[in-house]
Amino acid sequence: MEPKNYTVTRIEGEYAYLREDGTAGDVELFIALALLPSGTDVGTRLHYEMLEYTVID
């Protein structure tokens, strides 16, 4: 899978909804917070590559 950048749009319980940067529409990725870096919150920008998420400054 190619590298992608996401923004956390909302958090509900133990799950986060991510929207791919630069795309239009309402498509969101639903993922467990446990798989994301600690401190992830709404508005956090993430980079996904090699099955790992990292925070983008």
PDB file of N, CA and C in Angstrom:
ATOM      1  N   MET A   1       0.846  -1.181   0.000  1.00  0.00           N
ATOM      2  CA  MET A   1       0.000   0.000   0.000  1.00  0.00           C
ATOM      3  C   MET A   1       0.891   1.244   0.000  1.00  0.00           C
ATOM      4  N   GLU A   2       0.516   2.222  -0.768  1.00  0.00           N
ATOM      5  CA  GLU A   2       1.310   3.446  -0.873  1.00  0.00           C
ATOM      6  C   GLU A   2       1.120   4.327   0.366  1.00  0.00           C
ATOM      7  N   PRO A   3       2.104   5.151   0.687  1.00  0.00           N
ATOM      8  CA  PRO A   3       1.988   6.061   1.833  1.00  0.00           C
ATOM      9  C   PRO A   3       0.851   7.064   1.632  1.00  0.00           C
ATOM     10  N   LYS A   4       0.169   7.392   2.729  1.00  0.00           N
ATOM     11  CA  LYS A   4      -0.939   8.349   2.671  1.00  0.00           C
ATOM     12  C   LYS A   4      -0.915   9.208   3.924  1.00  0.00           C
ATOM     13  N   ASN A   5      -1.489  10.400   3.806  1.00  0.00           N
ATOM     14  CA  ASN A   5      -1.637  11.298   4.945  1.00  0.00           C
ATOM     15  C   ASN A   5      -3.117  11.422   5.285  1.00  0.00           C
ATOM     16  N   TYR A   6      -3.406  11.437   6.589  1.00  0.00           N
ATOM     17  CA  TYR A   6      -4.778  11.519   7.070  1.00  0.00           C
ATOM     18  C   TYR A   6      -4.896  12.600   8.128  1.00  0.00           C
ATOM     19  N   THR A   7      -6.132  13.054   8.336  1.00  0.00           N
ATOM     20  CA  THR A   7      -6.453  13.955   9.439  1.00  0.00           C
ATOM     21  C   THR A   7      -7.557  13.295  10.254  1.00  0.00           C
ATOM     22  N   VAL A   8      -7.407  13.330  11.583  1.00  0.00           N
ATOM     23  CA  VAL A   8      -8.434  12.779  12.467  1.00  0.00           C
ATOM     24  C   VAL A   8      -9.595  13.761  12.495  1.00  0.00           C
ATOM     25  N   THR A   9     -10.778  13.304  12.071  1.00  0.00           N
ATOM     26  CA  THR A   9     -11.945  14.192  11.996  1.00  0.00           C
ATOM     27  C   THR A   9     -12.830  14.104  13.233  1.00  0.00           C
ATOM     28  N   ARG A  10     -12.844  12.943  13.868  1.00  0.00           N
ATOM     29  CA  ARG A  10     -13.627  12.788  15.105  1.00  0.00           C
ATOM     30  C   ARG A  10     -13.193  11.528  15.830  1.00  0.00           C
ATOM     31  N   ILE A  11     -13.504  11.504  17.121  1.00  0.00           N
ATOM     32  CA  ILE A  11     -13.202  10.348  17.958  1.00  0.00           C
ATOM     33  C   ILE A  11     -14.485   9.983  18.690  1.00  0.00           C
ATOM     34  N   GLU A  12     -14.839   8.707  18.622  1.00  0.00           N
ATOM     35  CA  GLU A  12     -16.021   8.198  19.314  1.00  0.00           C
ATOM     36  C   GLU A  12     -15.609   6.986  20.120  1.00  0.00           C
ATOM     37  N   GLY A  13     -15.579   7.145  21.441  1.00  0.00           N
ATOM     38  CA  GLY A  13     -15.155   6.049  22.302  1.00  0.00           C
ATOM     39  C   GLY A  13     -13.698   5.691  22.041  1.00  0.00           C
ATOM     40  N   GLU A  14     -13.453   4.450  21.689  1.00  0.00           N
ATOM     41  CA  GLU A  14     -12.097   3.962  21.448  1.00  0.00           C
ATOM     42  C   GLU A  14     -11.734   3.937  19.967  1.00  0.00           C
ATOM     43  N   TYR A  15     -12.496   4.643  19.153  1.00  0.00           N
ATOM     44  CA  TYR A  15     -12.261   4.635  17.708  1.00  0.00           C
ATOM     45  C   TYR A  15     -12.109   6.044  17.160  1.00  0.00           C
ATOM     46  N   ALA A  16     -11.289   6.167  16.128  1.00  0.00           N
ATOM     47  CA  ALA A  16     -11.066   7.449  15.462  1.00  0.00           C
ATOM     48  C   ALA A  16     -11.506   7.330  14.010  1.00  0.00           C
ATOM     49  N   TYR A  17     -11.960   8.434  13.468  1.00  0.00           N
ATOM     50  CA  TYR A  17     -12.335   8.511  12.062  1.00  0.00           C
ATOM     51  C   TYR A  17     -11.298   9.373  11.366  1.00  0.00           C
ATOM     52  N   LEU A  18     -10.716   8.848  10.299  1.00  0.00           N
ATOM     53  CA  LEU A  18      -9.669   9.542   9.566  1.00  0.00           C
ATOM     54  C   LEU A  18     -10.146   9.865   8.159  1.00  0.00           C
ATOM     55  N   ARG A  19      -9.770  11.041   7.677  1.00  0.00           N
ATOM     56  CA  ARG A  19     -10.070  11.442   6.298  1.00  0.00           C
ATOM     57  C   ARG A  19      -8.742  11.655   5.589  1.00  0.00           C
ATOM     58  N   GLU A  20      -8.616  11.071   4.405  1.00  0.00           N
ATOM     59  CA  GLU A  20      -7.383  11.216   3.634  1.00  0.00           C
ATOM     60  C   GLU A  20      -7.211  12.663   3.189  1.00  0.00           C
ATOM     61  N   ASP A  21      -6.023  13.216   3.403  1.00  0.00           N
ATOM     62  CA  ASP A  21      -5.732  14.592   3.000  1.00  0.00           C
ATOM     63  C   ASP A  21      -5.812  14.724   1.487  1.00  0.00           C
ATOM     64  N   GLY A  22      -6.383  15.832   1.042  1.00  0.00           N
ATOM     65  CA  GLY A  22      -6.437  16.128  -0.383  1.00  0.00           C
ATOM     66  C   GLY A  22      -7.547  15.433  -1.149  1.00  0.00           C
ATOM     67  N   THR A  23      -8.472  14.779  -0.447  1.00  0.00           N
ATOM     68  CA  THR A  23      -9.580  14.124  -1.140  1.00  0.00           C
ATOM     69  C   THR A  23     -10.893  14.813  -0.779  1.00  0.00           C
ATOM     70  N   ALA A  24     -11.793  14.792  -1.705  1.00  0.00           N
ATOM     71  CA  ALA A  24     -13.119  15.366  -1.469  1.00  0.00           C
ATOM     72  C   ALA A  24     -14.095  14.235  -1.154  1.00  0.00           C
ATOM     73  N   GLY A  25     -15.181  14.574  -0.543  1.00  0.00           N
ATOM     74  CA  GLY A  25     -16.203  13.573  -0.256  1.00  0.00           C
ATOM     75  C   GLY A  25     -16.264  13.229   1.214  1.00  0.00           C
ATOM     76  N   ASP A  26     -17.122  12.273   1.518  1.00  0.00           N
ATOM     77  CA  ASP A  26     -17.380  11.900   2.904  1.00  0.00           C
ATOM     78  C   ASP A  26     -16.767  10.563   3.291  1.00  0.00           C
ATOM     79  N   VAL A  27     -15.777  10.095   2.572  1.00  0.00           N
ATOM     80  CA  VAL A  27     -15.172   8.799   2.870  1.00  0.00           C
ATOM     81  C   VAL A  27     -14.240   8.951   4.068  1.00  0.00           C
ATOM     82  N   GLU A  28     -14.522   8.167   5.120  1.00  0.00           N
ATOM     83  CA  GLU A  28     -13.695   8.186   6.317  1.00  0.00           C
ATOM     84  C   GLU A  28     -13.234   6.767   6.639  1.00  0.00           C
ATOM     85  N   LEU A  29     -12.051   6.669   7.200  1.00  0.00           N
ATOM     86  CA  LEU A  29     -11.489   5.408   7.647  1.00  0.00           C
ATOM     87  C   LEU A  29     -11.752   5.302   9.135  1.00  0.00           C
ATOM     88  N   PHE A  30     -12.250   4.168   9.592  1.00  0.00           N
ATOM     89  CA  PHE A  30     -12.614   3.910  10.980  1.00  0.00           C
ATOM     90  C   PHE A  30     -11.531   3.022  11.565  1.00  0.00           C
ATOM     91  N   ILE A  31     -10.812   3.485  12.623  1.00  0.00           N
ATOM     92  CA  ILE A  31      -9.695   2.718  13.160  1.00  0.00           C
ATOM     93  C   ILE A  31      -9.624   2.849  14.681  1.00  0.00           C
ATOM     94  N   ALA A  32      -9.180   1.787  15.349  1.00  0.00           N
ATOM     95  CA  ALA A  32      -9.045   1.788  16.801  1.00  0.00           C
ATOM     96  C   ALA A  32      -7.939   2.745  17.235  1.00  0.00           C
ATOM     97  N   LEU A  33      -8.190   3.519  18.285  1.00  0.00           N
ATOM     98  CA  LEU A  33      -7.192   4.453  18.807  1.00  0.00           C
ATOM     99  C   LEU A  33      -5.919   3.737  19.248  1.00  0.00           C
ATOM    100  N   ALA A  34      -6.039   2.492  19.663  1.00  0.00           N
ATOM    101  CA  ALA A  34      -4.872   1.728  20.116  1.00  0.00           C
ATOM    102  C   ALA A  34      -3.840   1.541  19.004  1.00  0.00           C
ATOM    103  N   LEU A  35      -4.253   1.666  17.756  1.00  0.00           N
ATOM    104  CA  LEU A  35      -3.327   1.508  16.625  1.00  0.00           C
ATOM    105  C   LEU A  35      -2.669   2.826  16.218  1.00  0.00           C
ATOM    106  N   LEU A  36      -3.080   3.924  16.852  1.00  0.00           N
ATOM    107  CA  LEU A  36      -2.559   5.250  16.509  1.00  0.00           C
ATOM    108  C   LEU A  36      -1.566   5.711  17.576  1.00  0.00           C
ATOM    109  N   PRO A  37      -0.678   6.652  17.238  1.00  0.00           N
ATOM    110  CA  PRO A  37       0.291   7.150  18.217  1.00  0.00           C
ATOM    111  C   PRO A  37      -0.411   7.757  19.434  1.00  0.00           C
ATOM    112  N   SER A  38       0.217   7.635  20.605  1.00  0.00           N
ATOM    113  CA  SER A  38      -0.381   8.205  21.813  1.00  0.00           C
ATOM    114  C   SER A  38      -0.502   9.721  21.657  1.00  0.00           C
ATOM    115  N   GLY A  39      -1.547  10.269  22.233  1.00  0.00           N
ATOM    116  CA  GLY A  39      -1.789  11.697  22.126  1.00  0.00           C
ATOM    117  C   GLY A  39      -2.586  12.099  20.904  1.00  0.00           C
ATOM    118  N   THR A  40      -2.990  11.136  20.081  1.00  0.00           N
ATOM    119  CA  THR A  40      -3.796  11.448  18.898  1.00  0.00           C
ATOM    120  C   THR A  40      -5.131  12.039  19.332  1.00  0.00           C
ATOM    121  N   ASP A  41      -5.517  13.146  18.716  1.00  0.00           N
ATOM    122  CA  ASP A  41      -6.760  13.827  19.044  1.00  0.00           C
ATOM    123  C   ASP A  41      -7.375  14.373  17.752  1.00  0.00           C
ATOM    124  N   VAL A  42      -8.562  14.922  17.842  1.00  0.00           N
ATOM    125  CA  VAL A  42      -9.221  15.506  16.673  1.00  0.00           C
ATOM    126  C   VAL A  42      -8.327  16.600  16.094  1.00  0.00           C
ATOM    127  N   GLY A  43      -8.122  16.560  14.781  1.00  0.00           N
ATOM    128  CA  GLY A  43      -7.278  17.533  14.108  1.00  0.00           C
ATOM    129  C   GLY A  43      -5.842  17.075  13.919  1.00  0.00           C
ATOM    130  N   THR A  44      -5.454  15.985  14.568  1.00  0.00           N
ATOM    131  CA  THR A  44      -4.092  15.459  14.410  1.00  0.00           C
ATOM    132  C   THR A  44      -3.899  14.972  12.985  1.00  0.00           C
ATOM    133  N   ARG A  45      -2.761  15.338  12.377  1.00  0.00           N
ATOM    134  CA  ARG A  45      -2.424  14.858  11.031  1.00  0.00           C
ATOM    135  C   ARG A  45      -1.500  13.658  11.178  1.00  0.00           C
ATOM    136  N   LEU A  46      -1.793  12.602  10.437  1.00  0.00           N
ATOM    137  CA  LEU A  46      -1.048  11.348  10.519  1.00  0.00           C
ATOM    138  C   LEU A  46      -0.508  10.939   9.158  1.00  0.00           C
ATOM    139  N   HIS A  47       0.641  10.293   9.183  1.00  0.00           N
ATOM    140  CA  HIS A  47       1.237   9.719   7.970  1.00  0.00           C
ATOM    141  C   HIS A  47       1.199   8.204   8.138  1.00  0.00           C
ATOM    142  N   TYR A  48       0.681   7.505   7.130  1.00  0.00           N
ATOM    143  CA  TYR A  48       0.588   6.037   7.152  1.00  0.00           C
ATOM    144  C   TYR A  48       1.539   5.457   6.118  1.00  0.00           C
ATOM    145  N   GLU A  49       2.426   4.581   6.590  1.00  0.00           N
ATOM    146  CA  GLU A  49       3.361   3.908   5.700  1.00  0.00           C
ATOM    147  C   GLU A  49       3.858   2.646   6.386  1.00  0.00           C
ATOM    148  N   MET A  50       3.956   1.570   5.643  1.00  0.00           N
ATOM    149  CA  MET A  50       4.478   0.294   6.152  1.00  0.00           C
ATOM    150  C   MET A  50       3.727  -0.168   7.417  1.00  0.00           C
ATOM    151  N   LEU A  51       2.394  -0.080   7.392  1.00  0.00           N
ATOM    152  CA  LEU A  51       1.517  -0.509   8.472  1.00  0.00           C
ATOM    153  C   LEU A  51       1.728   0.267   9.764  1.00  0.00           C
ATOM    154  N   GLU A  52       2.217   1.508   9.683  1.00  0.00           N
ATOM    155  CA  GLU A  52       2.485   2.309  10.864  1.00  0.00           C
ATOM    156  C   GLU A  52       2.018   3.743  10.658  1.00  0.00           C
ATOM    157  N   TYR A  53       1.403   4.302  11.690  1.00  0.00           N
ATOM    158  CA  TYR A  53       0.974   5.697  11.678  1.00  0.00           C
ATOM    159  C   TYR A  53       1.963   6.531  12.481  1.00  0.00           C
ATOM    160  N   THR A  54       2.343   7.697  11.954  1.00  0.00           N
ATOM    161  CA  THR A  54       3.182   8.635  12.677  1.00  0.00           C
ATOM    162  C   THR A  54       2.550  10.020  12.577  1.00  0.00           C
ATOM    163  N   VAL A  55       2.793  10.853  13.602  1.00  0.00           N
ATOM    164  CA  VAL A  55       2.233  12.200  13.637  1.00  0.00           C
ATOM    165  C   VAL A  55       3.049  13.111  12.730  1.00  0.00           C
ATOM    166  N   ILE A  56       2.341  13.923  11.936  1.00  0.00           N
ATOM    167  CA  ILE A  56       2.967  14.929  11.084  1.00  0.00           C
ATOM    168  C   ILE A  56       2.916  16.255  11.824  1.00  0.00           C
ATOM    169  N   ASP A  57       4.027  16.942  11.917  1.00  0.00           N
ATOM    170  CA  ASP A  57       4.060  18.255  12.591  1.00  0.00           C
ATOM    171  C   ASP A  57       3.478  19.324  11.731  1.00  0.00           C
TER     172      ASP A  57
END
